[in-house]
C-alpha atoms as a PDB file:
ATOM      1  CA  MET A   1    -108.119 -78.943 143.180  1.00  0.00           C
ATOM      2  CA  ILE A   2    -110.056 -77.108 146.011  1.00  0.00           C
ATOM      3  CA  LEU A   3    -107.190 -75.914 148.222  1.00  0.00           C
ATOM      4  CA  GLN A   4    -103.438 -76.185 148.443  1.00  0.00           C
ATOM      5  CA  THR A   5    -101.082 -75.944 151.388  1.00  0.00           C
ATOM      6  CA  GLU A   6     -97.337 -76.131 151.647  1.00  0.00           C
ATOM      7  CA  ARG A   7     -97.370 -79.883 151.706  1.00  0.00           C
ATOM      8  CA  LEU A   8    -100.867 -80.782 150.639  1.00  0.00           C
ATOM      9  CA  VAL A   9    -103.611 -80.631 147.839  1.00  0.00           C
ATOM     10  CA  LEU A  10    -107.131 -80.877 148.877  1.00  0.00           C
ATOM     11  CA  ARG A  11    -109.448 -82.134 146.031  1.00  0.00           C
ATOM     12  CA  GLU A  12    -112.841 -83.778 145.837  1.00  0.00           C
ATOM     13  CA  LEU A  13    -112.976 -87.395 146.394  1.00  0.00           C
ATOM     14  CA  GLN A  14    -113.488 -89.555 143.443  1.00  0.00           C
ATOM     15  CA  GLU A  15    -114.708 -93.084 142.754  1.00  0.00           C
ATOM     16  CA  ARG A  16    -111.096 -94.003 142.114  1.00  0.00           C
ATOM     17  CA  ASP A  17    -110.394 -93.264 145.796  1.00  0.00           C
ATOM     18  CA  TYR A  18    -112.452 -96.211 147.242  1.00  0.00           C
ATOM     19  CA  ASP A  19    -109.344 -98.293 147.841  1.00  0.00           C
ATOM     20  CA  ALA A  20    -107.408 -95.577 149.366  1.00  0.00           C
ATOM     21  CA  LEU A  21    -110.420 -94.795 151.589  1.00  0.00           C
ATOM     22  CA  CYS A  22    -110.431 -98.288 152.725  1.00  0.00           C
ATOM     23  CA  LYS A  23    -106.955 -98.038 154.082  1.00  0.00           C
ATOM     24  CA  ILE A  24    -108.222 -95.371 156.443  1.00  0.00           C
ATOM     25  CA  LEU A  25    -111.926 -96.143 157.195  1.00  0.00           C
ATOM     26  CA  GLN A  26    -111.175 -99.995 157.692  1.00  0.00           C
ATOM     27  CA  ASP A  27    -108.213 -99.449 160.079  1.00  0.00           C
ATOM     28  CA  LYS A  28    -109.629-100.333 163.597  1.00  0.00           C
ATOM     29  CA  GLU A  29    -107.140 -98.074 165.179  1.00  0.00           C
ATOM     30  CA  THR A  30    -107.874 -95.162 163.025  1.00  0.00           C
ATOM     31  CA  MET A  31    -111.610 -95.589 163.500  1.00  0.00           C
ATOM     32  CA  TYR A  32    -111.545 -95.908 167.118  1.00  0.00           C
ATOM     33  CA  ALA A  33    -113.598 -92.852 167.651  1.00  0.00           C
ATOM     34  CA  TYR A  34    -116.424 -94.441 165.420  1.00  0.00           C
ATOM     35  CA  GLU A  35    -116.316 -97.697 167.301  1.00  0.00           C
ATOM     36  CA  GLY A  36    -114.339 -99.721 164.866  1.00  0.00           C
ATOM     37  CA  ALA A  37    -113.379-100.266 161.232  1.00  0.00           C
ATOM     38  CA  PHE A  38    -115.798 -99.718 158.490  1.00  0.00           C
ATOM     39  CA  THR A  39    -117.273-102.515 156.332  1.00  0.00           C
ATOM     40  CA  ASP A  40    -116.939-102.343 152.658  1.00  0.00           C
ATOM     41  CA  GLY A  41    -120.546-101.137 152.454  1.00  0.00           C
ATOM     42  CA  GLU A  42    -120.036 -98.434 154.860  1.00  0.00           C
ATOM     43  CA  VAL A  43    -117.020 -97.127 153.175  1.00  0.00           C
ATOM     44  CA  ARG A  44    -119.111 -96.917 150.038  1.00  0.00           C
ATOM     45  CA  GLU A  45    -122.025 -94.951 151.780  1.00  0.00           C
ATOM     46  CA  TRP A  46    -119.055 -92.660 153.029  1.00  0.00           C
ATOM     47  CA  LEU A  47    -117.717 -92.044 149.577  1.00  0.00           C
ATOM     48  CA  ASP A  48    -121.196 -91.517 148.221  1.00  0.00           C
ATOM     49  CA  ARG A  49    -122.274 -89.121 151.072  1.00  0.00           C
ATOM     50  CA  GLN A  50    -119.293 -86.897 150.251  1.00  0.00           C
ATOM     51  CA  LEU A  51    -120.034 -87.062 146.455  1.00  0.00           C
ATOM     52  CA  GLY A  52    -123.763 -85.972 147.405  1.00  0.00           C
ATOM     53  CA  ARG A  53    -122.452 -83.109 149.569  1.00  0.00           C
ATOM     54  CA  TYR A  54    -120.361 -81.819 146.692  1.00  0.00           C
ATOM     55  CA  GLU A  55    -123.374 -81.894 144.311  1.00  0.00           C
ATOM     56  CA  LYS A  56    -125.819 -80.462 146.979  1.00  0.00           C
ATOM     57  CA  HIS A  57    -123.663 -77.813 148.939  1.00  0.00           C
ATOM     58  CA  GLY A  58    -120.466 -77.353 146.765  1.00  0.00           C
ATOM     59  CA  PHE A  59    -118.306 -78.736 149.660  1.00  0.00           C
ATOM     60  CA  GLY A  60    -117.662 -81.785 151.883  1.00  0.00           C
ATOM     61  CA  LEU A  61    -114.756 -83.756 153.166  1.00  0.00           C
ATOM     62  CA  TRP A  62    -112.093 -83.598 150.479  1.00  0.00           C
ATOM     63  CA  GLY A  63    -109.259 -85.941 149.756  1.00  0.00           C
ATOM     64  CA  VAL A  64    -105.928 -84.864 151.046  1.00  0.00           C
ATOM     65  CA  VAL A  65    -103.271 -85.692 148.708  1.00  0.00           C
ATOM     66  CA  LEU A  66     -99.581 -85.542 149.800  1.00  0.00           C
ATOM     67  CA  LYS A  67     -97.668 -83.243 147.006  1.00  0.00           C
ATOM     68  CA  GLU A  68     -94.597 -85.262 147.523  1.00  0.00           C
ATOM     69  CA  SER A  69     -95.884 -88.663 146.582  1.00  0.00           C
ATOM     70  CA  GLY A  70     -99.244 -87.728 144.891  1.00  0.00           C
ATOM     71  CA  GLY A  71    -101.033 -90.337 147.235  1.00  0.00           C
ATOM     72  CA  LEU A  72    -104.221 -89.934 149.162  1.00  0.00           C
ATOM     73  CA  ILE A  73    -103.403 -89.872 152.749  1.00  0.00           C
ATOM     74  CA  GLY A  74    -106.541 -88.450 154.388  1.00  0.00           C
ATOM     75  CA  GLN A  75    -109.744 -86.476 154.270  1.00  0.00           C
ATOM     76  CA  CYS A  76    -110.407 -83.024 155.481  1.00  0.00           C
ATOM     77  CA  GLY A  77    -113.068 -80.532 154.670  1.00  0.00           C
ATOM     78  CA  VAL A  78    -116.241 -78.640 155.641  1.00  0.00           C
ATOM     79  CA  THR A  79    -119.549 -80.154 156.102  1.00  0.00           C
ATOM     80  CA  LEU A  80    -122.834 -79.257 157.716  1.00  0.00           C
ATOM     81  CA  GLN A  81    -123.400 -81.037 160.896  1.00  0.00           C
ATOM     82  CA  PRO A  82    -126.647 -81.064 163.109  1.00  0.00           C
ATOM     83  CA  TRP A  83    -126.096 -79.268 166.375  1.00  0.00           C
ATOM     84  CA  ARG A  84    -129.140 -78.476 168.876  1.00  0.00           C
ATOM     85  CA  GLY A  85    -131.870 -78.251 166.226  1.00  0.00           C
ATOM     86  CA  GLY A  86    -129.786 -76.536 163.559  1.00  0.00           C
ATOM     87  CA  GLU A  87    -126.877 -76.941 161.217  1.00  0.00           C
ATOM     88  CA  VAL A  88    -123.367 -75.737 161.830  1.00  0.00           C
ATOM     89  CA  LEU A  89    -120.397 -75.677 159.421  1.00  0.00           C
ATOM     90  CA  GLU A  90    -117.667 -78.216 160.757  1.00  0.00           C
ATOM     91  CA  VAL A  91    -114.055 -78.744 159.792  1.00  0.00           C
ATOM     92  CA  GLY A  92    -113.520 -82.474 159.932  1.00  0.00           C
ATOM     93  CA  TYR A  93    -110.421 -84.534 159.274  1.00  0.00           C
ATOM     94  CA  LEU A  94    -109.385 -88.056 159.295  1.00  0.00           C
ATOM     95  CA  PHE A  95    -105.967 -89.510 158.184  1.00  0.00           C
ATOM     96  CA  ARG A  96    -104.338 -92.797 157.494  1.00  0.00           C
ATOM     97  CA  ARG A  97    -102.646 -93.982 160.586  1.00  0.00           C
ATOM     98  CA  ASP A  98     -99.046 -93.989 159.150  1.00  0.00           C
ATOM     99  CA  CYS A  99     -99.513 -90.161 158.552  1.00  0.00           C
ATOM    100  CA  TRP A 100    -100.438 -89.189 161.973  1.00  0.00           C
ATOM    101  CA  HIS A 101     -98.008 -86.878 164.062  1.00  0.00           C
ATOM    102  CA  ARG A 102     -96.774 -85.104 161.093  1.00  0.00           C
ATOM    103  CA  GLY A 103     -98.901 -81.924 161.260  1.00  0.00           C
ATOM    104  CA  TYR A 104    -100.939 -82.779 158.076  1.00  0.00           C
ATOM    105  CA  ALA A 105    -104.295 -82.581 159.994  1.00  0.00           C
ATOM    106  CA  THR A 106    -103.566 -79.065 161.334  1.00  0.00           C
ATOM    107  CA  GLU A 107    -102.234 -77.878 158.005  1.00  0.00           C
ATOM    108  CA  ALA A 108    -105.355 -79.105 156.141  1.00  0.00           C
ATOM    109  CA  ALA A 109    -107.658 -78.111 158.895  1.00  0.00           C
ATOM    110  CA  ARG A 110    -106.397 -74.464 159.058  1.00  0.00           C
ATOM    111  CA  ALA A 111    -106.833 -74.409 155.154  1.00  0.00           C
ATOM    112  CA  CYS A 112    -110.356 -75.609 155.574  1.00  0.00           C
ATOM    113  CA  ARG A 113    -111.178 -73.246 158.366  1.00  0.00           C
ATOM    114  CA  ASP A 114    -109.857 -70.425 156.380  1.00  0.00           C
ATOM    115  CA  HIS A 115    -111.957 -71.555 153.245  1.00  0.00           C
ATOM    116  CA  ALA A 116    -115.049 -71.577 155.486  1.00  0.00           C
ATOM    117  CA  PHE A 117    -114.572 -68.019 156.560  1.00  0.00           C
ATOM    118  CA  GLU A 118    -113.273 -66.583 153.294  1.00  0.00           C
ATOM    119  CA  LYS A 119    -115.493 -68.484 150.582  1.00  0.00           C
ATOM    120  CA  LEU A 120    -118.330 -69.728 152.392  1.00  0.00           C
ATOM    121  CA  GLY A 121    -118.916 -66.540 154.603  1.00  0.00           C
ATOM    122  CA  ALA A 122    -119.088 -68.342 157.915  1.00  0.00           C
ATOM    123  CA  ASP A 123    -119.655 -66.523 161.184  1.00  0.00           C
ATOM    124  CA  GLU A 124    -118.184 -69.416 163.035  1.00  0.00           C
ATOM    125  CA  VAL A 125    -116.602 -72.745 162.368  1.00  0.00           C
ATOM    126  CA  CYS A 126    -116.522 -75.794 164.560  1.00  0.00           C
ATOM    127  CA  SER A 127    -115.094 -79.228 165.038  1.00  0.00           C
ATOM    128  CA  ILE A 128    -117.354 -81.747 166.900  1.00  0.00           C
ATOM    129  CA  ILE A 129    -115.043 -84.382 168.456  1.00  0.00           C
ATOM    130  CA  ARG A 130    -115.575 -87.332 170.653  1.00  0.00           C
ATOM    131  CA  ASP A 131    -114.469 -86.609 174.164  1.00  0.00           C
ATOM    132  CA  THR A 132    -111.813 -89.454 174.166  1.00  0.00           C
ATOM    133  CA  ASN A 133    -110.226 -88.428 170.881  1.00  0.00           C
ATOM    134  CA  ALA A 134    -107.341 -86.252 172.308  1.00  0.00           C
ATOM    135  CA  ALA A 135    -105.427 -86.194 169.065  1.00  0.00           C
ATOM    136  CA  SER A 136    -108.415 -84.500 167.262  1.00  0.00           C
ATOM    137  CA  ARG A 137    -109.011 -82.142 170.199  1.00  0.00           C
ATOM    138  CA  ARG A 138    -105.332 -80.966 169.875  1.00  0.00           C
ATOM    139  CA  VAL A 139    -105.776 -80.366 166.183  1.00  0.00           C
ATOM    140  CA  ALA A 140    -108.946 -78.234 166.962  1.00  0.00           C
ATOM    141  CA  GLU A 141    -106.975 -76.214 169.461  1.00  0.00           C
ATOM    142  CA  ARG A 142    -104.230 -75.646 167.182  1.00  0.00           C
ATOM    143  CA  ASN A 143    -106.813 -74.420 164.782  1.00  0.00           C
ATOM    144  CA  ALA A 144    -107.631 -71.651 167.206  1.00  0.00           C
ATOM    145  CA  MET A 145    -110.883 -73.382 168.395  1.00  0.00           C
ATOM    146  CA  SER A 146    -112.070 -73.450 171.949  1.00  0.00           C
ATOM    147  CA  PRO A 147    -114.632 -75.791 173.693  1.00  0.00           C
ATOM    148  CA  ALA A 148    -118.112 -74.299 173.344  1.00  0.00           C
ATOM    149  CA  GLY A 149    -120.504 -77.060 174.438  1.00  0.00           C
ATOM    150  CA  THR A 150    -121.187 -80.692 174.449  1.00  0.00           C
ATOM    151  CA  CYS A 151    -123.645 -83.213 173.037  1.00  0.00           C
ATOM    152  CA  MET A 152    -124.154 -86.965 172.933  1.00  0.00           C
ATOM    153  CA  LYS A 153    -124.138 -88.792 169.734  1.00  0.00           C
ATOM    154  CA  HIS A 154    -125.261 -92.505 169.453  1.00  0.00           C
ATOM    155  CA  TYR A 155    -123.450 -94.581 167.072  1.00  0.00           C
ATOM    156  CA  LYS A 156    -123.112 -98.360 166.621  1.00  0.00           C
ATOM    157  CA  GLY A 157    -125.095 -98.751 169.941  1.00  0.00           C
ATOM    158  CA  VAL A 158    -122.888 -96.630 171.901  1.00  0.00           C
ATOM    159  CA  ASP A 159    -123.563 -93.326 173.444  1.00  0.00           C
ATOM    160  CA  MET A 160    -120.573 -90.938 172.650  1.00  0.00           C
ATOM    161  CA  PRO A 161    -119.961 -87.658 174.318  1.00  0.00           C
ATOM    162  CA  HIS A 162    -118.673 -85.017 171.919  1.00  0.00           C
ATOM    163  CA  ILE A 163    -117.304 -81.497 172.426  1.00  0.00           C
ATOM    164  CA  ARG A 164    -118.091 -78.804 170.050  1.00  0.00           C
ATOM    165  CA  TYR A 165    -114.850 -76.709 169.409  1.00  0.00           C
ATOM    166  CA  VAL A 166    -115.606 -73.224 167.882  1.00  0.00           C
ATOM    167  CA  VAL A 167    -113.748 -70.237 166.456  1.00  0.00           C
ATOM    168  CA  THR A 168    -115.771 -67.260 165.516  1.00  0.00           C
ATOM    169  CA  ARG A 169    -115.163 -64.950 162.474  1.00  0.00           C
ATOM    170  CA  ALA A 170    -114.019 -62.097 165.086  1.00  0.00           C
ATOM    171  CA  GLU A 171    -111.364 -64.365 166.628  1.00  0.00           C
ATOM    172  CA  TRP A 172    -110.191 -65.624 163.168  1.00  0.00           C
ATOM    173  CA  GLU A 173    -109.861 -62.277 161.935  1.00  0.00           C
ATOM    174  CA  GLU A 174    -107.958 -61.088 164.975  1.00  0.00           C
ATOM    175  CA  LEU A 175    -105.740 -64.254 164.539  1.00  0.00           C
ATOM    176  CA  ARG A 176    -105.071 -63.183 160.892  1.00  0.00           C
ATOM    177  CA  GLY A 177    -104.230 -59.660 161.962  1.00  0.00           C
ATOM    178  CA  LYS A 178    -101.612 -60.953 164.361  1.00  0.00           C
ATOM    179  CA  SER A 179    -100.107 -63.291 161.763  1.00  0.00           C
ATOM    180  CA  ALA A 180     -99.834 -60.305 159.208  1.00  0.00           C
ATOM    181  CA  ALA A 181     -98.217 -58.282 161.845  1.00  0.00           C
ATOM    182  CA  VAL A 182     -95.557 -60.984 162.447  1.00  0.00           C
ATOM    183  CA  ARG A 183     -94.967 -61.351 158.898  1.00  0.00           C
ATOM    184  CA  LYS A 184     -94.040 -57.598 158.360  1.00  0.00           C
END
């Protein structure tokens, strides 16, 4: 287990998660921001990429397990992503369609954001989201992130505008201070 929230456990993905990942990555509606469902080979590459990230960096997209059922319902984690000639820490998330609109993505993304600041020593954390992905943009906004630039990604023969949402360490610390004051 890497992280735990009220309803979720985030852990490293494993080989045994391949079938559960297929349910996410091979769903055309879930994968609309990627221009469609993945093939078996693309799912394999995705899983191998995460396993490689754990080995190289100690983090990546983690499996999100619903405590109530023990089932894998999505992925959320921290990855290094290219941005304007460098790399940035990004909180990414992708959930099974039948688990949308229940707050799981926001819950997991907040835990990953906090992990990036607390354990990885980040100065800022971002989410880079396709401009047409309104649901993911709302998750970033609920994660205290604000738009801070755009870029164009080219994937499957399509130019895709993306928006980079960012929260800085100072903003995060202020947010935590307000949350602590409310709890008192």
